[in-house]
């Protein structure tokens, strides 16, 4: 498109790239990163299950961090 190269992904079009070779290399890097991230998440969940560590949802994690931050702030003020 417009003498530039793109590749389509679920996350949206990726690019622009100056050459087809650069687009192909970035597409391969993109696919490797997605693959690695998927395996990282799977390994993380398996480790948490085997260690009996609960995983918190993002919403819950934010509220936990907020409580810790508030407690730390109060302790510093005292």
C-alpha atoms as a PDB file:
ATOM      1  CA  UNK A   1       0.000   0.000   0.000  1.00  0.00           C
ATOM      2  CA  UNK A   2       1.513   3.383  -1.029  1.00  0.00           C
ATOM      3  CA  UNK A   3       4.782   1.614  -1.846  1.00  0.00           C
ATOM      4  CA  UNK A   4       5.066   0.388   1.748  1.00  0.00           C
ATOM      5  CA  UNK A   5       4.613  -3.088   3.187  1.00  0.00           C
ATOM      6  CA  UNK A   6       2.286  -4.284   5.957  1.00  0.00           C
ATOM      7  CA  UNK A   7       1.147  -7.567   7.398  1.00  0.00           C
ATOM      8  CA  UNK A   8      -2.227  -8.285   8.920  1.00  0.00           C
ATOM      9  CA  UNK A   9      -2.550  -9.585  12.457  1.00  0.00           C
ATOM     10  CA  UNK A  10      -5.436 -10.084  14.850  1.00  0.00           C
ATOM     11  CA  UNK A  11      -4.237  -6.958  16.641  1.00  0.00           C
ATOM     12  CA  UNK A  12      -4.488  -4.958  13.406  1.00  0.00           C
ATOM     13  CA  UNK A  13      -2.260  -4.185  10.468  1.00  0.00           C
ATOM     14  CA  UNK A  14       1.424  -3.979  11.327  1.00  0.00           C
ATOM     15  CA  UNK A  15       3.697  -1.601   9.449  1.00  0.00           C
ATOM     16  CA  UNK A  16       4.580   0.262   7.399  1.00  0.00           C
ATOM     17  CA  UNK A  17       7.833  -1.370   6.368  1.00  0.00           C
ATOM     18  CA  UNK A  18      10.107  -0.112   3.629  1.00  0.00           C
ATOM     19  CA  UNK A  19      10.678  -3.501   1.964  1.00  0.00           C
ATOM     20  CA  UNK A  20       8.944  -6.856   1.677  1.00  0.00           C
ATOM     21  CA  UNK A  21      11.976  -8.445   3.347  1.00  0.00           C
ATOM     22  CA  UNK A  22      11.694  -6.129   6.365  1.00  0.00           C
ATOM     23  CA  UNK A  23       7.950  -6.829   6.620  1.00  0.00           C
ATOM     24  CA  UNK A  24       8.595 -10.595   6.456  1.00  0.00           C
ATOM     25  CA  UNK A  25      11.270 -10.384   9.173  1.00  0.00           C
ATOM     26  CA  UNK A  26       8.992  -8.337  11.423  1.00  0.00           C
ATOM     27  CA  UNK A  27       6.126 -10.763  10.820  1.00  0.00           C
ATOM     28  CA  UNK A  28       8.348 -13.647  11.915  1.00  0.00           C
ATOM     29  CA  UNK A  29       9.507 -11.701  14.994  1.00  0.00           C
ATOM     30  CA  UNK A  30       5.887 -10.843  15.810  1.00  0.00           C
ATOM     31  CA  UNK A  31       4.848 -14.506  15.541  1.00  0.00           C
ATOM     32  CA  UNK A  32       7.791 -15.625  17.730  1.00  0.00           C
ATOM     33  CA  UNK A  33       6.888 -13.076  20.407  1.00  0.00           C
ATOM     34  CA  UNK A  34       3.234 -14.180  20.425  1.00  0.00           C
ATOM     35  CA  UNK A  35       4.317 -17.833  20.661  1.00  0.00           C
ATOM     36  CA  UNK A  36       6.774 -17.083  23.486  1.00  0.00           C
ATOM     37  CA  UNK A  37       4.183 -15.036  25.367  1.00  0.00           C
ATOM     38  CA  UNK A  38       1.641 -17.845  25.112  1.00  0.00           C
ATOM     39  CA  UNK A  39       4.135 -20.370  26.512  1.00  0.00           C
ATOM     40  CA  UNK A  40       5.250 -17.953  29.232  1.00  0.00           C
ATOM     41  CA  UNK A  41       1.643 -17.497  30.384  1.00  0.00           C
ATOM     42  CA  UNK A  42       1.032 -21.254  30.326  1.00  0.00           C
ATOM     43  CA  UNK A  43       4.218 -21.933  32.325  1.00  0.00           C
ATOM     44  CA  UNK A  44       3.350 -19.177  34.803  1.00  0.00           C
ATOM     45  CA  UNK A  45      -0.108 -20.605  35.416  1.00  0.00           C
ATOM     46  CA  UNK A  46       1.266 -24.141  35.782  1.00  0.00           C
ATOM     47  CA  UNK A  47       3.891 -22.955  38.296  1.00  0.00           C
ATOM     48  CA  UNK A  48       1.254 -21.083  40.296  1.00  0.00           C
ATOM     49  CA  UNK A  49      -0.966 -24.173  40.407  1.00  0.00           C
ATOM     50  CA  UNK A  50       1.872 -26.423  41.547  1.00  0.00           C
ATOM     51  CA  UNK A  51       2.990 -23.922  44.204  1.00  0.00           C
ATOM     52  CA  UNK A  52      -0.628 -23.223  45.196  1.00  0.00           C
ATOM     53  CA  UNK A  53      -0.177 -19.483  44.587  1.00  0.00           C
ATOM     54  CA  UNK A  54      -3.365 -17.672  43.622  1.00  0.00           C
ATOM     55  CA  UNK A  55      -3.220 -15.549  40.472  1.00  0.00           C
ATOM     56  CA  UNK A  56      -5.108 -12.277  40.756  1.00  0.00           C
ATOM     57  CA  UNK A  57      -7.077 -10.681  37.997  1.00  0.00           C
ATOM     58  CA  UNK A  58      -5.792  -7.336  36.793  1.00  0.00           C
ATOM     59  CA  UNK A  59      -8.638  -5.465  38.525  1.00  0.00           C
ATOM     60  CA  UNK A  60      -7.965  -7.189  41.835  1.00  0.00           C
ATOM     61  CA  UNK A  61      -4.197  -6.734  41.517  1.00  0.00           C
ATOM     62  CA  UNK A  62      -4.638  -2.990  41.101  1.00  0.00           C
ATOM     63  CA  UNK A  63      -6.702  -2.771  44.276  1.00  0.00           C
ATOM     64  CA  UNK A  64      -4.155  -4.873  46.194  1.00  0.00           C
ATOM     65  CA  UNK A  65      -1.339  -2.570  45.065  1.00  0.00           C
ATOM     66  CA  UNK A  66      -3.396   0.463  46.047  1.00  0.00           C
ATOM     67  CA  UNK A  67      -3.864  -0.901  49.579  1.00  0.00           C
ATOM     68  CA  UNK A  68      -0.147  -1.619  49.916  1.00  0.00           C
ATOM     69  CA  UNK A  69       0.705   1.858  48.591  1.00  0.00           C
ATOM     70  CA  UNK A  70      -1.752   3.499  51.012  1.00  0.00           C
ATOM     71  CA  UNK A  71      -0.357   1.559  53.983  1.00  0.00           C
ATOM     72  CA  UNK A  72       3.205   2.439  52.993  1.00  0.00           C
ATOM     73  CA  UNK A  73       2.239   6.106  52.655  1.00  0.00           C
ATOM     74  CA  UNK A  74       0.660   6.105  56.128  1.00  0.00           C
ATOM     75  CA  UNK A  75       3.736   4.436  57.626  1.00  0.00           C
ATOM     76  CA  UNK A  76       6.008   7.035  56.065  1.00  0.00           C
ATOM     77  CA  UNK A  77       3.854   9.859  57.380  1.00  0.00           C
ATOM     78  CA  UNK A  78       3.981   8.555  60.968  1.00  0.00           C
END
